[in-house]
């Protein structure tokens, strides 16, 4: 069975998550606090998670799937 593009993308995202968290043992579990991270803001500059403390934050993880349909 040949893996689909979506499956490969999901595996890539999972591998990237594990790589950036350091190891499988340090993966987050339900109820854990999110680690502080910094991303480029859509309004320019940087946005750090810790700067949003006390506010509601929605983090949306999605896969860009460029495979033909």
PDB file of N, CA and C in Angstrom:
ATOM      1  N   UNK A   1       0.843  -1.175   0.000  1.00  0.00           N
ATOM      2  CA  UNK A   1       0.000   0.000   0.000  1.00  0.00           C
ATOM      3  C   UNK A   1       0.889   1.240   0.000  1.00  0.00           C
ATOM      4  N   UNK A   2       0.687   2.091  -0.954  1.00  0.00           N
ATOM      5  CA  UNK A   2       1.461   3.318  -1.074  1.00  0.00           C
ATOM      6  C   UNK A   2       0.856   4.398  -0.172  1.00  0.00           C
ATOM      7  N   UNK A   3       1.683   5.069   0.680  1.00  0.00           N
ATOM      8  CA  UNK A   3       1.139   6.104   1.564  1.00  0.00           C
ATOM      9  C   UNK A   3       0.656   7.306   0.763  1.00  0.00           C
ATOM     10  N   UNK A   4      -0.454   7.878   1.193  1.00  0.00           N
ATOM     11  CA  UNK A   4      -1.013   9.050   0.511  1.00  0.00           C
ATOM     12  C   UNK A   4      -0.235  10.306   0.905  1.00  0.00           C
ATOM     13  N   UNK A   5      -0.456  11.366   0.156  1.00  0.00           N
ATOM     14  CA  UNK A   5       0.185  12.643   0.464  1.00  0.00           C
ATOM     15  C   UNK A   5      -0.217  13.163   1.827  1.00  0.00           C
ATOM     16  N   UNK A   6      -1.498  12.960   2.197  1.00  0.00           N
ATOM     17  CA  UNK A   6      -1.973  13.420   3.504  1.00  0.00           C
ATOM     18  C   UNK A   6      -1.276  12.663   4.621  1.00  0.00           C
ATOM     19  N   UNK A   7      -1.093  11.357   4.423  1.00  0.00           N
ATOM     20  CA  UNK A   7      -0.438  10.554   5.457  1.00  0.00           C
ATOM     21  C   UNK A   7       1.015  10.999   5.637  1.00  0.00           C
ATOM     22  N   UNK A   8       1.692  11.249   4.543  1.00  0.00           N
ATOM     23  CA  UNK A   8       3.088  11.693   4.606  1.00  0.00           C
ATOM     24  C   UNK A   8       3.170  13.057   5.299  1.00  0.00           C
ATOM     25  N   UNK A   9       2.238  13.955   4.972  1.00  0.00           N
ATOM     26  CA  UNK A   9       2.233  15.278   5.599  1.00  0.00           C
ATOM     27  C   UNK A   9       1.997  15.163   7.099  1.00  0.00           C
ATOM     28  N   UNK A  10       1.070  14.306   7.517  1.00  0.00           N
ATOM     29  CA  UNK A  10       0.801  14.132   8.942  1.00  0.00           C
ATOM     30  C   UNK A  10       2.007  13.552   9.662  1.00  0.00           C
ATOM     31  N   UNK A  11       2.671  12.597   9.035  1.00  0.00           N
ATOM     32  CA  UNK A  11       3.874  12.032   9.642  1.00  0.00           C
ATOM     33  C   UNK A  11       4.975  13.080   9.756  1.00  0.00           C
ATOM     34  N   UNK A  12       5.086  13.941   8.740  1.00  0.00           N
ATOM     35  CA  UNK A  12       6.089  15.004   8.768  1.00  0.00           C
ATOM     36  C   UNK A  12       5.808  15.971   9.918  1.00  0.00           C
ATOM     37  N   UNK A  13       4.541  16.355  10.093  1.00  0.00           N
ATOM     38  CA  UNK A  13       4.177  17.275  11.176  1.00  0.00           C
ATOM     39  C   UNK A  13       4.474  16.633  12.528  1.00  0.00           C
ATOM     40  N   UNK A  14       4.124  15.349  12.678  1.00  0.00           N
ATOM     41  CA  UNK A  14       4.390  14.652  13.939  1.00  0.00           C
ATOM     42  C   UNK A  14       5.890  14.570  14.206  1.00  0.00           C
ATOM     43  N   UNK A  15       6.674  14.269  13.181  1.00  0.00           N
ATOM     44  CA  UNK A  15       8.122  14.185  13.348  1.00  0.00           C
ATOM     45  C   UNK A  15       8.707  15.550  13.694  1.00  0.00           C
ATOM     46  N   UNK A  16       8.209  16.604  13.053  1.00  0.00           N
ATOM     47  CA  UNK A  16       8.692  17.959  13.352  1.00  0.00           C
ATOM     48  C   UNK A  16       8.366  18.328  14.789  1.00  0.00           C
ATOM     49  N   UNK A  17       7.156  17.985  15.250  1.00  0.00           N
ATOM     50  CA  UNK A  17       6.776  18.270  16.627  1.00  0.00           C
ATOM     51  C   UNK A  17       7.730  17.571  17.590  1.00  0.00           C
ATOM     52  N   UNK A  18       7.990  16.298  17.347  1.00  0.00           N
ATOM     53  CA  UNK A  18       8.881  15.554  18.229  1.00  0.00           C
ATOM     54  C   UNK A  18      10.299  16.110  18.181  1.00  0.00           C
ATOM     55  N   UNK A  19      10.748  16.528  17.003  1.00  0.00           N
ATOM     56  CA  UNK A  19      12.087  17.097  16.867  1.00  0.00           C
ATOM     57  C   UNK A  19      12.211  18.389  17.664  1.00  0.00           C
ATOM     58  N   UNK A  20      11.215  19.271  17.529  1.00  0.00           N
ATOM     59  CA  UNK A  20      11.290  20.568  18.185  1.00  0.00           C
ATOM     60  C   UNK A  20      11.009  20.509  19.684  1.00  0.00           C
ATOM     61  N   UNK A  21      10.340  19.467  20.150  1.00  0.00           N
ATOM     62  CA  UNK A  21      10.126  19.337  21.593  1.00  0.00           C
ATOM     63  C   UNK A  21      11.291  18.625  22.256  1.00  0.00           C
ATOM     64  N   UNK A  22      12.200  18.096  21.494  1.00  0.00           N
ATOM     65  CA  UNK A  22      13.407  17.484  22.052  1.00  0.00           C
ATOM     66  C   UNK A  22      13.403  15.978  22.039  1.00  0.00           C
ATOM     67  N   UNK A  23      12.296  15.369  22.389  1.00  0.00           N
ATOM     68  CA  UNK A  23      12.226  13.907  22.379  1.00  0.00           C
ATOM     69  C   UNK A  23      10.800  13.468  22.619  1.00  0.00           C
ATOM     70  N   UNK A  24      10.565  12.206  22.422  1.00  0.00           N
ATOM     71  CA  UNK A  24       9.248  11.648  22.659  1.00  0.00           C
ATOM     72  C   UNK A  24       8.872  11.768  24.128  1.00  0.00           C
ATOM     73  N   UNK A  25       9.840  11.631  25.028  1.00  0.00           N
ATOM     74  CA  UNK A  25       9.579  11.686  26.465  1.00  0.00           C
ATOM     75  C   UNK A  25       9.107  13.072  26.904  1.00  0.00           C
ATOM     76  N   UNK A  26       9.467  14.111  26.160  1.00  0.00           N
ATOM     77  CA  UNK A  26       9.085  15.460  26.568  1.00  0.00           C
ATOM     78  C   UNK A  26       7.816  15.942  25.875  1.00  0.00           C
ATOM     79  N   UNK A  27       7.127  15.057  25.155  1.00  0.00           N
ATOM     80  CA  UNK A  27       5.896  15.447  24.477  1.00  0.00           C
ATOM     81  C   UNK A  27       4.846  15.853  25.510  1.00  0.00           C
ATOM     82  N   UNK A  28       3.995  16.786  25.128  1.00  0.00           N
ATOM     83  CA  UNK A  28       2.974  17.287  26.052  1.00  0.00           C
ATOM     84  C   UNK A  28       1.859  16.265  26.238  1.00  0.00           C
ATOM     85  N   UNK A  29       1.234  16.344  27.391  1.00  0.00           N
ATOM     86  CA  UNK A  29       0.074  15.517  27.675  1.00  0.00           C
ATOM     87  C   UNK A  29      -1.093  16.443  28.002  1.00  0.00           C
ATOM     88  N   UNK A  30      -2.294  15.903  27.960  1.00  0.00           N
ATOM     89  CA  UNK A  30      -3.485  16.689  28.263  1.00  0.00           C
ATOM     90  C   UNK A  30      -3.329  17.316  29.649  1.00  0.00           C
ATOM     91  N   UNK A  31      -3.586  18.619  29.727  1.00  0.00           N
ATOM     92  CA  UNK A  31      -3.485  19.337  30.995  1.00  0.00           C
ATOM     93  C   UNK A  31      -2.148  20.031  31.205  1.00  0.00           C
ATOM     94  N   UNK A  32      -1.125  19.686  30.407  1.00  0.00           N
ATOM     95  CA  UNK A  32       0.177  20.350  30.527  1.00  0.00           C
ATOM     96  C   UNK A  32       0.084  21.775  29.994  1.00  0.00           C
ATOM     97  N   UNK A  33       0.915  22.654  30.551  1.00  0.00           N
ATOM     98  CA  UNK A  33       1.009  24.007  30.022  1.00  0.00           C
ATOM     99  C   UNK A  33       1.799  23.977  28.720  1.00  0.00           C
ATOM    100  N   UNK A  34       1.402  24.818  27.788  1.00  0.00           N
ATOM    101  CA  UNK A  34       2.110  24.903  26.510  1.00  0.00           C
ATOM    102  C   UNK A  34       3.473  25.547  26.726  1.00  0.00           C
ATOM    103  N   UNK A  35       4.511  25.047  26.053  1.00  0.00           N
ATOM    104  CA  UNK A  35       5.817  25.699  26.162  1.00  0.00           C
ATOM    105  C   UNK A  35       5.767  27.069  25.487  1.00  0.00           C
ATOM    106  N   UNK A  36       6.553  28.000  25.987  1.00  0.00           N
ATOM    107  CA  UNK A  36       6.581  29.331  25.392  1.00  0.00           C
ATOM    108  C   UNK A  36       7.257  29.246  24.032  1.00  0.00           C
ATOM    109  N   UNK A  37       6.682  29.893  23.039  1.00  0.00           N
ATOM    110  CA  UNK A  37       7.284  29.925  21.710  1.00  0.00           C
ATOM    111  C   UNK A  37       7.007  31.279  21.077  1.00  0.00           C
ATOM    112  N   UNK A  38       7.718  31.560  20.005  1.00  0.00           N
ATOM    113  CA  UNK A  38       7.611  32.847  19.330  1.00  0.00           C
ATOM    114  C   UNK A  38       7.388  32.603  17.841  1.00  0.00           C
ATOM    115  N   UNK A  39       6.454  33.331  17.258  1.00  0.00           N
ATOM    116  CA  UNK A  39       6.141  33.213  15.834  1.00  0.00           C
ATOM    117  C   UNK A  39       6.099  34.592  15.200  1.00  0.00           C
ATOM    118  N   UNK A  40       6.197  34.622  13.874  1.00  0.00           N
ATOM    119  CA  UNK A  40       6.019  35.869  13.148  1.00  0.00           C
ATOM    120  C   UNK A  40       4.557  36.266  13.227  1.00  0.00           C
ATOM    121  N   UNK A  41       4.302  37.537  13.505  1.00  0.00           N
ATOM    122  CA  UNK A  41       2.941  38.050  13.587  1.00  0.00           C
ATOM    123  C   UNK A  41       2.436  38.396  12.197  1.00  0.00           C
ATOM    124  N   UNK A  42       1.142  38.241  11.985  1.00  0.00           N
ATOM    125  CA  UNK A  42       0.552  38.620  10.688  1.00  0.00           C
ATOM    126  C   UNK A  42       0.575  40.134  10.504  1.00  0.00           C
ATOM    127  N   UNK A  43       0.786  40.872  11.601  1.00  0.00           N
ATOM    128  CA  UNK A  43       0.845  42.332  11.537  1.00  0.00           C
ATOM    129  C   UNK A  43       2.280  42.846  11.500  1.00  0.00           C
ATOM    130  N   UNK A  44       3.233  41.922  11.364  1.00  0.00           N
ATOM    131  CA  UNK A  44       4.643  42.281  11.363  1.00  0.00           C
ATOM    132  C   UNK A  44       5.229  42.111  12.751  1.00  0.00           C
ATOM    133  N   UNK A  45       6.495  41.868  12.830  1.00  0.00           N
ATOM    134  CA  UNK A  45       7.142  41.662  14.116  1.00  0.00           C
ATOM    135  C   UNK A  45       6.971  40.239  14.613  1.00  0.00           C
ATOM    136  N   UNK A  46       7.210  40.063  15.892  1.00  0.00           N
ATOM    137  CA  UNK A  46       7.141  38.738  16.518  1.00  0.00           C
ATOM    138  C   UNK A  46       6.048  38.730  17.579  1.00  0.00           C
ATOM    139  N   UNK A  47       5.496  37.559  17.824  1.00  0.00           N
ATOM    140  CA  UNK A  47       4.482  37.381  18.853  1.00  0.00           C
ATOM    141  C   UNK A  47       4.893  36.196  19.702  1.00  0.00           C
ATOM    142  N   UNK A  48       5.004  36.421  21.011  1.00  0.00           N
ATOM    143  CA  UNK A  48       5.418  35.373  21.934  1.00  0.00           C
ATOM    144  C   UNK A  48       4.208  34.913  22.737  1.00  0.00           C
ATOM    145  N   UNK A  49       4.059  33.610  22.911  1.00  0.00           N
ATOM    146  CA  UNK A  49       2.915  33.065  23.632  1.00  0.00           C
ATOM    147  C   UNK A  49       2.812  33.658  25.032  1.00  0.00           C
ATOM    148  N   UNK A  50       3.925  33.827  25.710  1.00  0.00           N
ATOM    149  CA  UNK A  50       3.895  34.351  27.080  1.00  0.00           C
ATOM    150  C   UNK A  50       3.338  35.772  27.146  1.00  0.00           C
ATOM    151  N   UNK A  51       3.375  36.523  26.040  1.00  0.00           N
ATOM    152  CA  UNK A  51       2.832  37.884  26.038  1.00  0.00           C
ATOM    153  C   UNK A  51       1.302  37.870  26.036  1.00  0.00           C
ATOM    154  N   UNK A  52       0.701  36.712  25.833  1.00  0.00           N
ATOM    155  CA  UNK A  52      -0.757  36.592  25.813  1.00  0.00           C
ATOM    156  C   UNK A  52      -1.304  35.987  27.094  1.00  0.00           C
ATOM    157  N   UNK A  53      -0.473  35.920  28.136  1.00  0.00           N
ATOM    158  CA  UNK A  53      -0.902  35.315  29.401  1.00  0.00           C
ATOM    159  C   UNK A  53      -2.150  36.011  29.931  1.00  0.00           C
ATOM    160  N   UNK A  54      -3.129  35.205  30.345  1.00  0.00           N
ATOM    161  CA  UNK A  54      -4.376  35.728  30.867  1.00  0.00           C
ATOM    162  C   UNK A  54      -5.442  35.948  29.805  1.00  0.00           C
ATOM    163  N   UNK A  55      -5.079  35.758  28.537  1.00  0.00           N
ATOM    164  CA  UNK A  55      -6.041  35.914  27.440  1.00  0.00           C
ATOM    165  C   UNK A  55      -6.382  34.533  26.882  1.00  0.00           C
ATOM    166  N   UNK A  56      -7.540  34.431  26.254  1.00  0.00           N
ATOM    167  CA  UNK A  56      -7.889  33.186  25.575  1.00  0.00           C
ATOM    168  C   UNK A  56      -7.083  33.082  24.293  1.00  0.00           C
ATOM    169  N   UNK A  57      -6.481  31.916  24.068  1.00  0.00           N
ATOM    170  CA  UNK A  57      -5.639  31.704  22.894  1.00  0.00           C
ATOM    171  C   UNK A  57      -6.074  30.416  22.215  1.00  0.00           C
ATOM    172  N   UNK A  58      -6.290  30.468  20.912  1.00  0.00           N
ATOM    173  CA  UNK A  58      -6.593  29.290  20.118  1.00  0.00           C
ATOM    174  C   UNK A  58      -5.392  29.023  19.224  1.00  0.00           C
ATOM    175  N   UNK A  59      -4.825  27.850  19.347  1.00  0.00           N
ATOM    176  CA  UNK A  59      -3.696  27.460  18.497  1.00  0.00           C
ATOM    177  C   UNK A  59      -4.233  26.435  17.517  1.00  0.00           C
ATOM    178  N   UNK A  60      -4.201  26.769  16.250  1.00  0.00           N
ATOM    179  CA  UNK A  60      -4.743  25.906  15.209  1.00  0.00           C
ATOM    180  C   UNK A  60      -3.601  25.265  14.434  1.00  0.00           C
ATOM    181  N   UNK A  61      -3.497  23.952  14.521  1.00  0.00           N
ATOM    182  CA  UNK A  61      -2.499  23.211  13.753  1.00  0.00           C
ATOM    183  C   UNK A  61      -3.198  22.635  12.532  1.00  0.00           C
ATOM    184  N   UNK A  62      -2.671  22.874  11.367  1.00  0.00           N
ATOM    185  CA  UNK A  62      -3.270  22.338  10.161  1.00  0.00           C
ATOM    186  C   UNK A  62      -2.166  21.934   9.198  1.00  0.00           C
ATOM    187  N   UNK A  63      -2.545  21.090   8.274  1.00  0.00           N
ATOM    188  CA  UNK A  63      -1.603  20.587   7.275  1.00  0.00           C
ATOM    189  C   UNK A  63      -1.956  21.195   5.933  1.00  0.00           C
ATOM    190  N   UNK A  64      -0.955  21.727   5.277  1.00  0.00           N
ATOM    191  CA  UNK A  64      -1.155  22.167   3.913  1.00  0.00           C
ATOM    192  C   UNK A  64      -0.951  20.962   3.020  1.00  0.00           C
ATOM    193  N   UNK A  65      -1.966  20.602   2.298  1.00  0.00           N
ATOM    194  CA  UNK A  65      -1.900  19.420   1.457  1.00  0.00           C
ATOM    195  C   UNK A  65      -1.909  19.868   0.001  1.00  0.00           C
ATOM    196  N   UNK A  66      -0.759  19.748  -0.634  1.00  0.00           N
ATOM    197  CA  UNK A  66      -0.641  20.172  -2.011  1.00  0.00           C
ATOM    198  C   UNK A  66      -0.722  18.987  -2.982  1.00  0.00           C
ATOM    199  N   UNK A  67      -1.165  17.843  -2.471  1.00  0.00           N
ATOM    200  CA  UNK A  67      -1.257  16.675  -3.361  1.00  0.00           C
ATOM    201  C   UNK A  67      -2.466  16.828  -4.280  1.00  0.00           C
ATOM    202  N   UNK A  68      -2.348  16.294  -5.478  1.00  0.00           N
ATOM    203  CA  UNK A  68      -3.483  16.401  -6.411  1.00  0.00           C
ATOM    204  C   UNK A  68      -4.684  15.610  -5.899  1.00  0.00           C
ATOM    205  N   UNK A  69      -5.867  16.122  -6.158  1.00  0.00           N
ATOM    206  CA  UNK A  69      -7.075  15.428  -5.700  1.00  0.00           C
ATOM    207  C   UNK A  69      -7.751  14.709  -6.841  1.00  0.00           C
TER     208      UNK A  69
END
